[in-house]
Amino acid sequence: MARLCLPDGAVRGIDIQGAQTGTTTSYTAGRDGTVTVDNPQHERALREYGAFPANLGGPTPRGGYRCTGCGFAAYINTCSRCGGTCQKET
């Protein structure tokens, strides 16, 4: 099973016609803009149309700041919970 992004943000769905039976399968993008494909031939056809694999890993950790007073994690050097000073994490 593969999660693919359609080739353009304006494309909301694609129909793929089966080679053996001639039936049409519709792939409509969800709210996140991806389609889930479980047929390898359909995946290949969508990739030929320009679809690409979705990045499902999320953002990479960058290391933020940690409050020395309460231990709260932050992205800036002033704690939003207690107002204390935060130190950069490595």
Protein backbone atom coordinates (compact mmCIF):
# COMPACT_ATOMS: atom_id res chain seq x y z
CA MET A 1 0.00 0.00 0.00
CA ALA A 2 1.37 3.42 -0.94
CA ARG A 3 0.44 6.98 -0.05
CA LEU A 4 0.95 9.33 -2.96
CA CYS A 5 0.54 13.06 -3.50
CA LEU A 6 -1.21 14.01 -6.70
CA PRO A 7 0.87 15.92 -9.27
CA ASP A 8 -0.71 19.32 -8.66
CA GLY A 9 -2.54 20.89 -5.74
CA ALA A 10 -5.46 21.69 -8.06
CA VAL A 11 -5.92 17.99 -8.91
CA ARG A 12 -8.40 16.52 -6.43
CA GLY A 13 -8.83 13.10 -8.01
CA ILE A 14 -7.77 10.77 -10.82
CA ASP A 15 -9.58 7.88 -12.49
CA ILE A 16 -7.53 4.81 -13.50
CA GLN A 17 -8.97 2.29 -15.93
CA GLY A 18 -7.95 -1.33 -15.38
CA ALA A 19 -6.12 -3.06 -18.21
CA GLN A 20 -7.66 -6.51 -17.74
CA THR A 21 -11.26 -5.85 -16.76
CA GLY A 22 -11.71 -2.27 -17.96
CA THR A 23 -13.26 -1.15 -14.68
CA THR A 24 -12.52 2.38 -13.52
CA THR A 25 -11.12 3.08 -10.07
CA SER A 26 -11.37 6.62 -8.72
CA TYR A 27 -8.70 7.99 -6.41
CA THR A 28 -9.78 11.14 -4.62
CA ALA A 29 -7.34 13.05 -2.47
CA GLY A 30 -8.19 13.35 1.21
CA ARG A 31 -7.92 16.46 3.33
CA ASP A 32 -4.17 16.04 3.52
CA GLY A 33 -3.86 15.91 -0.29
CA THR A 34 -2.80 12.26 -0.50
CA VAL A 35 -4.36 9.15 -1.98
CA THR A 36 -3.89 5.60 -0.68
CA VAL A 37 -3.22 3.09 -3.45
CA ASP A 38 -3.17 -0.66 -2.83
CA ASN A 39 -2.85 -1.84 -6.46
CA PRO A 40 0.78 -1.82 -7.74
CA GLN A 41 -0.32 -1.27 -11.35
CA HIS A 42 -2.41 1.73 -10.32
CA GLU A 43 0.50 3.08 -8.30
CA ARG A 44 2.72 2.82 -11.36
CA ALA A 45 0.11 4.56 -13.52
CA LEU A 46 -0.29 7.38 -10.99
CA ARG A 47 3.49 7.85 -10.86
CA GLU A 48 3.51 8.11 -14.66
CA TYR A 49 0.92 10.90 -14.35
CA GLY A 50 3.29 12.71 -11.98
CA ALA A 51 2.20 11.57 -8.50
CA PHE A 52 4.99 11.29 -5.96
CA PRO A 53 5.40 9.55 -2.57
CA ALA A 54 4.15 11.49 0.43
CA ASN A 55 6.59 12.42 3.17
CA LEU A 56 4.91 10.84 6.18
CA GLY A 57 7.87 11.22 8.53
CA GLY A 58 7.01 14.73 9.69
CA PRO A 59 9.53 17.37 10.62
CA THR A 60 12.91 16.40 11.91
CA PRO A 61 13.81 17.26 15.50
CA ARG A 62 15.87 20.43 15.67
CA GLY A 63 16.54 20.80 19.37
CA GLY A 64 14.87 23.70 21.09
CA TYR A 65 15.17 25.18 24.55
CA ARG A 66 14.45 23.70 27.98
CA CYS A 67 13.43 25.84 30.97
CA THR A 68 15.88 25.57 33.86
CA GLY A 69 13.13 26.35 36.39
CA CYS A 70 10.21 24.10 35.43
CA GLY A 71 11.62 21.86 32.65
CA PHE A 72 9.09 23.04 30.05
CA ALA A 73 10.19 22.65 26.42
CA ALA A 74 10.14 25.78 24.27
CA TYR A 75 11.29 27.09 20.88
CA ILE A 76 12.47 30.42 22.32
CA ASN A 77 14.76 31.23 25.25
CA THR A 78 12.01 32.57 27.53
CA CYS A 79 9.67 30.01 29.12
CA SER A 80 6.02 30.61 28.29
CA ARG A 81 4.91 28.67 31.37
CA CYS A 82 6.86 30.33 34.18
CA GLY A 83 8.76 33.15 32.49
CA GLY A 84 12.16 31.66 33.39
CA THR A 85 15.26 31.47 31.23
CA CYS A 86 15.66 28.49 28.93
CA GLN A 87 18.88 26.79 27.86
CA LYS A 88 19.56 25.48 24.35
CA GLU A 89 19.23 21.70 24.00
CA THR A 90 21.72 19.76 21.95
